[in-house]
Amino acid sequence: MSRLGKIPVKLPEKVTFSVKDGKMSAEGSKGKLSRPVPPMVEIKVEAGSVIVSADSSRRGKMLHGLTRSLIQGMVTGVSSGFRKDLEIVGVGYKAQLSGAILTVMVGLSHPVAYKIPDGIKISVTDNTKIAIEGIDKQLVGEAAATIRKFRKPEPYKGKGIRYVGEHIVMKEGKTVA
């Protein structure tokens, strides 16, 4: 059995969790999320917490901790949401938001346009700071990774798009002897 899977997920106030017809769903102040229940896993809602159990097969043991983590992410998402912050470093590098399109200028011959997916809210401050918010942890992380991929930080000057607080290992440039 998974050690993480044994820990019950506490439900905050104003969050409801239910399991019906092979789907688990969580609803809170931020919105509603649903996801299919993996096979070989049983989910019970008891006294303000969610308990996950699995059968003793190898696949059941693998899905035990994963299911508990997915439930924790759903509960956290509908109660407080998730947020990723990116910063753009470089002369002339900037981002603009127009409707549902994020346009990023990062030293390429053309501006890169990113269509914001449903369920994600993006805000740009100072033309160099991008905040990505949403209730689905996977969708927020995927959007942040896709935007970062437009221009990853390079190791000599550190120019590019990076997560706020990310440490970039800098290389020493060539020296003339």
N, C-alpha and C. Protein backbone atom coordinates (compact mmCIF):
# COMPACT_ATOMS: atom_id res chain seq x y z
N MET A 1 0.83 -1.19 0.00
CA MET A 1 0.00 0.00 0.00
C MET A 1 0.86 1.25 0.00
N SER A 2 0.34 2.26 -0.61
CA SER A 2 1.04 3.54 -0.68
C SER A 2 0.95 4.25 0.66
N ARG A 3 2.07 4.79 1.11
CA ARG A 3 2.06 5.55 2.37
C ARG A 3 1.26 6.83 2.22
N LEU A 4 1.43 7.48 1.08
CA LEU A 4 0.69 8.71 0.83
C LEU A 4 -0.80 8.41 0.67
N GLY A 5 -1.12 7.30 0.03
CA GLY A 5 -2.51 6.94 -0.21
C GLY A 5 -3.30 6.67 1.05
N LYS A 6 -2.62 6.29 2.13
CA LYS A 6 -3.30 5.99 3.40
C LYS A 6 -3.81 7.25 4.10
N ILE A 7 -3.21 8.40 3.81
CA ILE A 7 -3.57 9.64 4.50
C ILE A 7 -4.90 10.14 3.95
N PRO A 8 -5.90 10.37 4.80
CA PRO A 8 -7.17 10.90 4.29
C PRO A 8 -7.04 12.35 3.85
N VAL A 9 -7.83 12.72 2.85
CA VAL A 9 -7.85 14.09 2.34
C VAL A 9 -8.92 14.85 3.12
N LYS A 10 -8.51 15.90 3.83
CA LYS A 10 -9.46 16.71 4.61
C LYS A 10 -10.19 17.65 3.67
N LEU A 11 -11.50 17.73 3.81
CA LEU A 11 -12.31 18.63 3.00
C LEU A 11 -12.52 19.94 3.75
N PRO A 12 -12.09 21.07 3.17
CA PRO A 12 -12.34 22.36 3.83
C PRO A 12 -13.84 22.68 3.81
N GLU A 13 -14.21 23.67 4.60
CA GLU A 13 -15.61 24.10 4.59
C GLU A 13 -15.96 24.61 3.19
N LYS A 14 -17.20 24.48 2.82
CA LYS A 14 -17.73 24.93 1.53
C LYS A 14 -17.20 24.13 0.35
N VAL A 15 -16.58 22.98 0.57
CA VAL A 15 -16.15 22.11 -0.51
C VAL A 15 -16.91 20.80 -0.38
N THR A 16 -17.55 20.40 -1.47
CA THR A 16 -18.27 19.13 -1.49
C THR A 16 -17.58 18.19 -2.45
N PHE A 17 -17.49 16.94 -2.07
CA PHE A 17 -16.85 15.91 -2.88
C PHE A 17 -17.82 14.75 -3.03
N SER A 18 -17.95 14.23 -4.24
CA SER A 18 -18.87 13.11 -4.46
C SER A 18 -18.29 12.15 -5.49
N VAL A 19 -18.75 10.90 -5.40
CA VAL A 19 -18.36 9.86 -6.35
C VAL A 19 -19.64 9.24 -6.88
N LYS A 20 -19.86 9.38 -8.19
CA LYS A 20 -21.06 8.82 -8.83
C LYS A 20 -20.72 8.32 -10.21
N ASP A 21 -21.23 7.16 -10.56
CA ASP A 21 -21.12 6.60 -11.91
C ASP A 21 -19.70 6.61 -12.46
N GLY A 22 -18.73 6.23 -11.63
CA GLY A 22 -17.35 6.16 -12.09
C GLY A 22 -16.66 7.50 -12.24
N LYS A 23 -17.25 8.57 -11.70
CA LYS A 23 -16.63 9.90 -11.74
C LYS A 23 -16.56 10.47 -10.35
N MET A 24 -15.43 11.10 -10.05
CA MET A 24 -15.31 11.82 -8.79
C MET A 24 -15.35 13.31 -9.12
N SER A 25 -16.05 14.08 -8.28
CA SER A 25 -16.16 15.51 -8.55
C SER A 25 -16.05 16.29 -7.25
N ALA A 26 -15.44 17.46 -7.37
CA ALA A 26 -15.28 18.37 -6.24
C ALA A 26 -15.83 19.72 -6.65
N GLU A 27 -16.57 20.34 -5.74
CA GLU A 27 -17.15 21.64 -6.03
C GLU A 27 -16.89 22.57 -4.85
N GLY A 28 -16.43 23.78 -5.17
CA GLY A 28 -16.12 24.76 -4.13
C GLY A 28 -16.37 26.16 -4.62
N SER A 29 -15.82 27.14 -3.91
CA SER A 29 -16.06 28.54 -4.23
C SER A 29 -15.44 28.96 -5.56
N LYS A 30 -14.37 28.32 -5.99
CA LYS A 30 -13.70 28.68 -7.24
C LYS A 30 -14.31 28.02 -8.47
N GLY A 31 -15.02 26.90 -8.28
CA GLY A 31 -15.61 26.21 -9.42
C GLY A 31 -15.81 24.73 -9.15
N LYS A 32 -15.90 23.96 -10.23
CA LYS A 32 -16.16 22.53 -10.12
C LYS A 32 -15.19 21.76 -11.01
N LEU A 33 -14.65 20.66 -10.50
CA LEU A 33 -13.76 19.78 -11.24
C LEU A 33 -14.29 18.35 -11.15
N SER A 34 -14.15 17.60 -12.23
CA SER A 34 -14.50 16.19 -12.17
C SER A 34 -13.46 15.39 -12.95
N ARG A 35 -13.35 14.13 -12.59
CA ARG A 35 -12.33 13.27 -13.17
C ARG A 35 -12.81 11.83 -13.03
N PRO A 36 -12.47 10.96 -13.97
CA PRO A 36 -12.89 9.56 -13.83
C PRO A 36 -12.15 8.86 -12.69
N VAL A 37 -12.83 7.93 -12.04
CA VAL A 37 -12.20 7.16 -10.97
C VAL A 37 -11.38 6.05 -11.61
N PRO A 38 -10.09 5.95 -11.26
CA PRO A 38 -9.26 4.89 -11.84
C PRO A 38 -9.78 3.50 -11.41
N PRO A 39 -9.56 2.49 -12.24
CA PRO A 39 -9.99 1.14 -11.87
C PRO A 39 -9.19 0.63 -10.67
N MET A 40 -9.74 -0.31 -9.96
CA MET A 40 -9.09 -0.97 -8.81
C MET A 40 -8.95 -0.04 -7.60
N VAL A 41 -9.62 1.10 -7.61
CA VAL A 41 -9.54 2.05 -6.50
C VAL A 41 -10.94 2.31 -5.99
N GLU A 42 -11.07 2.36 -4.67
CA GLU A 42 -12.35 2.64 -4.04
C GLU A 42 -12.23 3.93 -3.24
N ILE A 43 -13.21 4.81 -3.39
CA ILE A 43 -13.18 6.11 -2.72
C ILE A 43 -14.40 6.23 -1.83
N LYS A 44 -14.17 6.62 -0.55
CA LYS A 44 -15.26 6.83 0.41
C LYS A 44 -15.18 8.24 0.97
N VAL A 45 -16.34 8.87 1.12
CA VAL A 45 -16.41 10.19 1.74
C VAL A 45 -17.03 10.00 3.12
N GLU A 46 -16.24 10.32 4.16
CA GLU A 46 -16.69 10.12 5.54
C GLU A 46 -16.30 11.30 6.40
N ALA A 47 -17.27 11.91 7.06
CA ALA A 47 -17.06 12.91 8.10
C ALA A 47 -16.04 13.99 7.73
N GLY A 48 -16.23 14.64 6.60
CA GLY A 48 -15.36 15.74 6.23
C GLY A 48 -14.01 15.34 5.68
N SER A 49 -13.86 14.08 5.27
CA SER A 49 -12.61 13.66 4.66
C SER A 49 -12.88 12.59 3.61
N VAL A 50 -11.93 12.42 2.71
CA VAL A 50 -12.03 11.43 1.64
C VAL A 50 -10.97 10.37 1.89
N ILE A 51 -11.39 9.10 1.87
CA ILE A 51 -10.48 7.99 2.12
C ILE A 51 -10.38 7.16 0.85
N VAL A 52 -9.14 6.87 0.43
CA VAL A 52 -8.89 6.11 -0.78
C VAL A 52 -8.33 4.75 -0.38
N SER A 53 -8.87 3.70 -0.99
CA SER A 53 -8.33 2.35 -0.77
C SER A 53 -8.23 1.65 -2.11
N ALA A 54 -7.33 0.70 -2.21
CA ALA A 54 -7.10 0.00 -3.47
C ALA A 54 -6.93 -1.48 -3.19
N ASP A 55 -7.11 -2.30 -4.24
CA ASP A 55 -6.89 -3.73 -4.06
C ASP A 55 -5.39 -4.01 -4.01
N SER A 56 -5.02 -5.24 -3.74
CA SER A 56 -3.62 -5.56 -3.49
C SER A 56 -2.84 -5.91 -4.76
N SER A 57 -3.42 -5.72 -5.93
CA SER A 57 -2.67 -5.98 -7.16
C SER A 57 -1.61 -4.90 -7.36
N ARG A 58 -0.66 -5.21 -8.22
CA ARG A 58 0.43 -4.27 -8.46
C ARG A 58 -0.10 -2.94 -9.02
N ARG A 59 -1.00 -3.02 -9.98
CA ARG A 59 -1.57 -1.80 -10.57
C ARG A 59 -2.41 -1.03 -9.55
N GLY A 60 -3.13 -1.76 -8.70
CA GLY A 60 -3.92 -1.12 -7.66
C GLY A 60 -3.06 -0.34 -6.69
N LYS A 61 -1.92 -0.91 -6.34
CA LYS A 61 -0.99 -0.23 -5.44
C LYS A 61 -0.43 1.04 -6.09
N MET A 62 -0.18 0.97 -7.41
CA MET A 62 0.35 2.15 -8.11
C MET A 62 -0.69 3.26 -8.16
N LEU A 63 -1.94 2.91 -8.38
CA LEU A 63 -2.99 3.91 -8.52
C LEU A 63 -3.47 4.48 -7.19
N HIS A 64 -3.12 3.82 -6.09
CA HIS A 64 -3.58 4.24 -4.77
C HIS A 64 -3.10 5.64 -4.42
N GLY A 65 -1.80 5.86 -4.42
CA GLY A 65 -1.24 7.16 -4.07
C GLY A 65 -1.55 8.22 -5.12
N LEU A 66 -1.57 7.81 -6.40
CA LEU A 66 -1.88 8.74 -7.47
C LEU A 66 -3.29 9.29 -7.31
N THR A 67 -4.25 8.43 -7.03
CA THR A 67 -5.63 8.86 -6.88
C THR A 67 -5.78 9.81 -5.71
N ARG A 68 -5.11 9.51 -4.61
CA ARG A 68 -5.17 10.40 -3.44
C ARG A 68 -4.59 11.77 -3.78
N SER A 69 -3.49 11.81 -4.52
CA SER A 69 -2.88 13.08 -4.92
C SER A 69 -3.78 13.86 -5.87
N LEU A 70 -4.45 13.16 -6.79
CA LEU A 70 -5.38 13.82 -7.70
C LEU A 70 -6.55 14.43 -6.94
N ILE A 71 -7.06 13.70 -5.94
CA ILE A 71 -8.16 14.21 -5.13
C ILE A 71 -7.71 15.44 -4.34
N GLN A 72 -6.52 15.38 -3.77
CA GLN A 72 -5.99 16.53 -3.02
C GLN A 72 -5.86 17.74 -3.93
N GLY A 73 -5.39 17.54 -5.17
CA GLY A 73 -5.27 18.63 -6.12
C GLY A 73 -6.62 19.21 -6.50
N MET A 74 -7.63 18.35 -6.65
CA MET A 74 -8.97 18.83 -6.98
C MET A 74 -9.54 19.66 -5.84
N VAL A 75 -9.39 19.18 -4.61
CA VAL A 75 -9.93 19.88 -3.44
C VAL A 75 -9.22 21.23 -3.26
N THR A 76 -7.91 21.26 -3.40
CA THR A 76 -7.17 22.51 -3.27
C THR A 76 -7.54 23.47 -4.39
N GLY A 77 -7.72 22.96 -5.59
CA GLY A 77 -8.06 23.80 -6.73
C GLY A 77 -9.40 24.49 -6.59
N VAL A 78 -10.43 23.75 -6.16
CA VAL A 78 -11.76 24.36 -6.07
C VAL A 78 -11.90 25.23 -4.82
N SER A 79 -11.01 25.08 -3.85
CA SER A 79 -11.10 25.92 -2.65
C SER A 79 -10.22 27.17 -2.75
N SER A 80 -8.96 27.02 -3.19
CA SER A 80 -8.08 28.19 -3.24
C SER A 80 -7.45 28.43 -4.61
N GLY A 81 -7.42 27.45 -5.47
CA GLY A 81 -6.87 27.61 -6.82
C GLY A 81 -5.36 27.46 -6.84
N PHE A 82 -4.81 27.47 -8.05
CA PHE A 82 -3.37 27.34 -8.25
C PHE A 82 -2.87 28.54 -9.03
N ARG A 83 -1.60 28.85 -8.84
CA ARG A 83 -1.00 30.01 -9.51
C ARG A 83 0.47 29.73 -9.81
N LYS A 84 0.90 30.10 -11.01
CA LYS A 84 2.30 30.04 -11.40
C LYS A 84 2.68 31.42 -11.91
N ASP A 85 3.84 31.90 -11.49
CA ASP A 85 4.32 33.21 -11.91
C ASP A 85 5.56 33.04 -12.77
N LEU A 86 5.59 33.73 -13.90
CA LEU A 86 6.73 33.73 -14.81
C LEU A 86 7.27 35.14 -14.91
N GLU A 87 8.56 35.24 -15.19
CA GLU A 87 9.16 36.55 -15.43
C GLU A 87 9.98 36.48 -16.71
N ILE A 88 9.98 37.58 -17.45
CA ILE A 88 10.71 37.65 -18.70
C ILE A 88 11.94 38.52 -18.47
N VAL A 89 13.12 37.99 -18.79
CA VAL A 89 14.37 38.70 -18.58
C VAL A 89 15.05 38.87 -19.93
N GLY A 90 15.40 40.11 -20.28
CA GLY A 90 16.10 40.37 -21.53
C GLY A 90 15.71 41.72 -22.08
N VAL A 91 16.63 42.37 -22.75
CA VAL A 91 16.38 43.69 -23.32
C VAL A 91 15.42 43.53 -24.50
N GLY A 92 14.31 44.26 -24.45
CA GLY A 92 13.33 44.20 -25.52
C GLY A 92 12.36 43.04 -25.43
N TYR A 93 12.52 42.19 -24.44
CA TYR A 93 11.60 41.05 -24.27
C TYR A 93 10.37 41.54 -23.51
N LYS A 94 9.19 41.21 -24.00
CA LYS A 94 7.97 41.65 -23.32
C LYS A 94 6.80 40.76 -23.70
N ALA A 95 5.71 40.93 -22.96
CA ALA A 95 4.47 40.18 -23.20
C ALA A 95 3.31 41.15 -23.21
N GLN A 96 2.29 40.84 -24.04
CA GLN A 96 1.08 41.64 -24.10
C GLN A 96 -0.11 40.70 -24.08
N LEU A 97 -1.18 41.15 -23.46
CA LEU A 97 -2.40 40.35 -23.40
C LEU A 97 -3.49 41.10 -24.14
N SER A 98 -4.10 40.44 -25.12
CA SER A 98 -5.22 41.05 -25.85
C SER A 98 -6.31 40.00 -26.01
N GLY A 99 -7.35 40.14 -25.16
CA GLY A 99 -8.44 39.17 -25.20
C GLY A 99 -7.98 37.80 -24.70
N ALA A 100 -8.14 36.79 -25.53
CA ALA A 100 -7.74 35.43 -25.15
C ALA A 100 -6.43 35.02 -25.79
N ILE A 101 -5.63 36.01 -26.20
CA ILE A 101 -4.34 35.73 -26.84
C ILE A 101 -3.23 36.43 -26.05
N LEU A 102 -2.21 35.66 -25.69
CA LEU A 102 -1.00 36.21 -25.06
C LEU A 102 0.06 36.29 -26.14
N THR A 103 0.59 37.49 -26.38
CA THR A 103 1.63 37.68 -27.39
C THR A 103 2.93 37.95 -26.67
N VAL A 104 3.96 37.17 -27.01
CA VAL A 104 5.26 37.26 -26.34
C VAL A 104 6.31 37.61 -27.38
N MET A 105 7.08 38.69 -27.11
CA MET A 105 8.19 39.07 -27.96
C MET A 105 9.47 38.74 -27.20
N VAL A 106 10.20 37.72 -27.68
CA VAL A 106 11.38 37.26 -26.95
C VAL A 106 12.58 37.07 -27.88
N GLY A 107 12.83 38.06 -28.74
CA GLY A 107 14.04 38.04 -29.55
C GLY A 107 13.95 37.17 -30.79
N LEU A 108 12.79 36.68 -31.14
CA LEU A 108 12.64 35.93 -32.38
C LEU A 108 12.28 36.89 -33.50
N SER A 109 12.26 36.43 -34.73
CA SER A 109 11.94 37.30 -35.86
C SER A 109 10.46 37.65 -35.90
N HIS A 110 9.67 37.01 -35.08
CA HIS A 110 8.23 37.24 -35.06
C HIS A 110 7.72 37.15 -33.62
N PRO A 111 6.61 37.82 -33.30
CA PRO A 111 6.02 37.64 -31.97
C PRO A 111 5.33 36.28 -31.90
N VAL A 112 5.38 35.65 -30.74
CA VAL A 112 4.76 34.34 -30.55
C VAL A 112 3.41 34.55 -29.89
N ALA A 113 2.35 34.00 -30.51
CA ALA A 113 1.00 34.14 -29.97
C ALA A 113 0.60 32.83 -29.29
N TYR A 114 0.02 32.95 -28.10
CA TYR A 114 -0.43 31.78 -27.34
C TYR A 114 -1.91 31.96 -27.02
N LYS A 115 -2.73 31.03 -27.49
CA LYS A 115 -4.17 31.08 -27.22
C LYS A 115 -4.40 30.52 -25.82
N ILE A 116 -5.00 31.31 -24.97
CA ILE A 116 -5.22 30.92 -23.57
C ILE A 116 -6.33 29.87 -23.51
N PRO A 117 -6.05 28.69 -22.93
CA PRO A 117 -7.08 27.65 -22.86
C PRO A 117 -8.20 28.01 -21.88
N ASP A 118 -9.36 27.37 -22.05
CA ASP A 118 -10.48 27.59 -21.13
C ASP A 118 -10.09 27.12 -19.74
N GLY A 119 -10.52 27.84 -18.72
CA GLY A 119 -10.22 27.48 -17.34
C GLY A 119 -8.95 28.12 -16.80
N ILE A 120 -8.26 28.89 -17.64
CA ILE A 120 -7.02 29.54 -17.23
C ILE A 120 -7.21 31.06 -17.34
N LYS A 121 -6.69 31.76 -16.34
CA LYS A 121 -6.71 33.23 -16.37
C LYS A 121 -5.26 33.70 -16.33
N ILE A 122 -4.89 34.51 -17.30
CA ILE A 122 -3.52 35.03 -17.39
C ILE A 122 -3.56 36.54 -17.25
N SER A 123 -2.64 37.07 -16.45
CA SER A 123 -2.52 38.52 -16.33
C SER A 123 -1.05 38.90 -16.50
N VAL A 124 -0.83 40.07 -17.13
CA VAL A 124 0.52 40.56 -17.40
C VAL A 124 0.69 41.89 -16.69
N THR A 125 1.77 42.01 -15.90
CA THR A 125 2.08 43.27 -15.24
C THR A 125 3.49 43.70 -15.65
N ASP A 126 3.69 44.98 -15.81
CA ASP A 126 5.00 45.57 -16.16
C ASP A 126 5.57 45.02 -17.46
N ASN A 127 4.76 44.40 -18.31
CA ASN A 127 5.19 43.80 -19.59
C ASN A 127 6.19 42.66 -19.42
N THR A 128 6.61 42.36 -18.19
CA THR A 128 7.62 41.32 -18.00
C THR A 128 7.22 40.27 -16.96
N LYS A 129 6.07 40.43 -16.34
CA LYS A 129 5.63 39.47 -15.34
C LYS A 129 4.29 38.87 -15.77
N ILE A 130 4.25 37.53 -15.82
CA ILE A 130 3.05 36.83 -16.26
C ILE A 130 2.55 35.97 -15.10
N ALA A 131 1.28 36.12 -14.75
CA ALA A 131 0.66 35.31 -13.69
C ALA A 131 -0.38 34.41 -14.34
N ILE A 132 -0.29 33.11 -14.07
CA ILE A 132 -1.21 32.13 -14.62
C ILE A 132 -1.99 31.53 -13.46
N GLU A 133 -3.32 31.62 -13.51
CA GLU A 133 -4.17 31.13 -12.42
C GLU A 133 -5.26 30.21 -12.96
N GLY A 134 -5.68 29.26 -12.13
CA GLY A 134 -6.77 28.37 -12.50
C GLY A 134 -7.04 27.38 -11.39
N ILE A 135 -8.08 26.54 -11.58
CA ILE A 135 -8.42 25.57 -10.55
C ILE A 135 -7.85 24.18 -10.86
N ASP A 136 -7.44 23.94 -12.09
CA ASP A 136 -6.88 22.64 -12.48
C ASP A 136 -5.36 22.72 -12.44
N LYS A 137 -4.75 21.98 -11.52
CA LYS A 137 -3.31 22.04 -11.31
C LYS A 137 -2.54 21.66 -12.57
N GLN A 138 -2.99 20.62 -13.26
CA GLN A 138 -2.31 20.16 -14.46
C GLN A 138 -2.38 21.21 -15.57
N LEU A 139 -3.52 21.83 -15.75
CA LEU A 139 -3.70 22.82 -16.80
C LEU A 139 -2.86 24.07 -16.55
N VAL A 140 -2.79 24.50 -15.29
CA VAL A 140 -1.97 25.67 -14.94
C VAL A 140 -0.49 25.38 -15.19
N GLY A 141 -0.02 24.23 -14.76
CA GLY A 141 1.38 23.86 -14.96
C GLY A 141 1.73 23.68 -16.42
N GLU A 142 0.81 23.11 -17.19
CA GLU A 142 1.04 22.90 -18.61
C GLU A 142 1.10 24.23 -19.36
N ALA A 143 0.23 25.16 -19.01
CA ALA A 143 0.24 26.48 -19.65
C ALA A 143 1.54 27.21 -19.33
N ALA A 144 1.97 27.15 -18.07
CA ALA A 144 3.22 27.82 -17.68
C ALA A 144 4.42 27.20 -18.40
N ALA A 145 4.45 25.88 -18.51
CA ALA A 145 5.56 25.21 -19.19
C ALA A 145 5.58 25.54 -20.68
N THR A 146 4.40 25.63 -21.30
CA THR A 146 4.34 25.96 -22.72
C THR A 146 4.83 27.37 -22.98
N ILE A 147 4.44 28.33 -22.13
CA ILE A 147 4.89 29.71 -22.30
C ILE A 147 6.40 29.80 -22.06
N ARG A 148 6.90 29.09 -21.05
CA ARG A 148 8.33 29.11 -20.75
C ARG A 148 9.14 28.53 -21.91
N LYS A 149 8.55 27.57 -22.62
CA LYS A 149 9.23 26.90 -23.72
C LYS A 149 9.49 27.82 -24.92
N PHE A 150 8.77 28.95 -25.01
CA PHE A 150 8.99 29.88 -26.12
C PHE A 150 10.42 30.40 -26.13
N ARG A 151 10.99 30.64 -24.96
CA ARG A 151 12.39 31.05 -24.85
C ARG A 151 12.89 30.67 -23.47
N LYS A 152 13.49 29.49 -23.37
CA LYS A 152 14.03 29.04 -22.09
C LYS A 152 15.21 29.94 -21.70
N PRO A 153 15.47 30.09 -20.41
CA PRO A 153 16.61 30.93 -19.99
C PRO A 153 17.93 30.34 -20.49
N GLU A 154 18.74 31.19 -21.10
CA GLU A 154 20.02 30.69 -21.59
C GLU A 154 21.09 30.84 -20.51
N PRO A 155 22.12 30.00 -20.51
CA PRO A 155 23.05 29.94 -19.37
C PRO A 155 24.14 31.01 -19.33
N TYR A 156 24.24 31.89 -20.34
CA TYR A 156 25.32 32.86 -20.33
C TYR A 156 24.89 34.22 -19.77
N LYS A 157 23.74 34.72 -20.18
CA LYS A 157 23.25 35.99 -19.66
C LYS A 157 21.96 35.82 -18.87
N GLY A 158 21.34 34.65 -18.96
CA GLY A 158 20.10 34.38 -18.23
C GLY A 158 18.87 34.94 -18.90
N LYS A 159 18.97 35.34 -20.18
CA LYS A 159 17.83 35.91 -20.89
C LYS A 159 16.82 34.81 -21.22
N GLY A 160 15.55 35.16 -21.13
CA GLY A 160 14.50 34.20 -21.48
C GLY A 160 13.34 34.29 -20.50
N ILE A 161 12.46 33.30 -20.56
CA ILE A 161 11.30 33.25 -19.67
C ILE A 161 11.58 32.21 -18.60
N ARG A 162 11.41 32.61 -17.34
CA ARG A 162 11.68 31.71 -16.22
C ARG A 162 10.59 31.82 -15.17
N TYR A 163 10.50 30.79 -14.34
CA TYR A 163 9.59 30.85 -13.19
C TYR A 163 10.16 31.83 -12.18
N VAL A 164 9.30 32.52 -11.45
CA VAL A 164 9.76 33.44 -10.42
C VAL A 164 10.47 32.63 -9.34
N GLY A 165 11.68 33.01 -9.02
CA GLY A 165 12.46 32.31 -8.01
C GLY A 165 13.28 31.15 -8.55
N GLU A 166 13.19 30.86 -9.84
CA GLU A 166 13.96 29.77 -10.44
C GLU A 166 15.43 30.16 -10.49
N HIS A 167 16.28 29.24 -10.10
CA HIS A 167 17.72 29.50 -10.12
C HIS A 167 18.28 28.99 -11.45
N ILE A 168 18.96 29.86 -12.17
CA ILE A 168 19.58 29.51 -13.43
C ILE A 168 21.08 29.36 -13.20
N VAL A 169 21.63 28.22 -13.53
CA VAL A 169 23.06 27.99 -13.39
C VAL A 169 23.76 28.68 -14.54
N MET A 170 24.55 29.69 -14.20
CA MET A 170 25.22 30.51 -15.21
C MET A 170 26.58 29.91 -15.54
N LYS A 171 26.93 29.98 -16.83
CA LYS A 171 28.22 29.52 -17.29
C LYS A 171 29.14 30.72 -17.48
N GLU A 172 30.42 30.46 -17.37
CA GLU A 172 31.38 31.51 -17.59
C GLU A 172 31.66 31.60 -19.09
N GLY A 173 31.71 32.81 -19.61
CA GLY A 173 31.95 32.99 -21.04
C GLY A 173 33.40 32.73 -21.39
N LYS A 174 33.69 32.78 -22.68
CA LYS A 174 35.07 32.56 -23.13
C LYS A 174 35.92 33.76 -22.71
N THR A 175 37.18 33.48 -22.38
CA THR A 175 38.11 34.54 -22.02
C THR A 175 39.28 34.53 -23.00
N VAL A 176 39.79 35.70 -23.29
CA VAL A 176 40.93 35.80 -24.18
C VAL A 176 42.19 35.74 -23.35
N ALA A 177 43.08 34.84 -23.68
CA ALA A 177 44.28 34.64 -22.89
C ALA A 177 45.39 35.53 -23.31
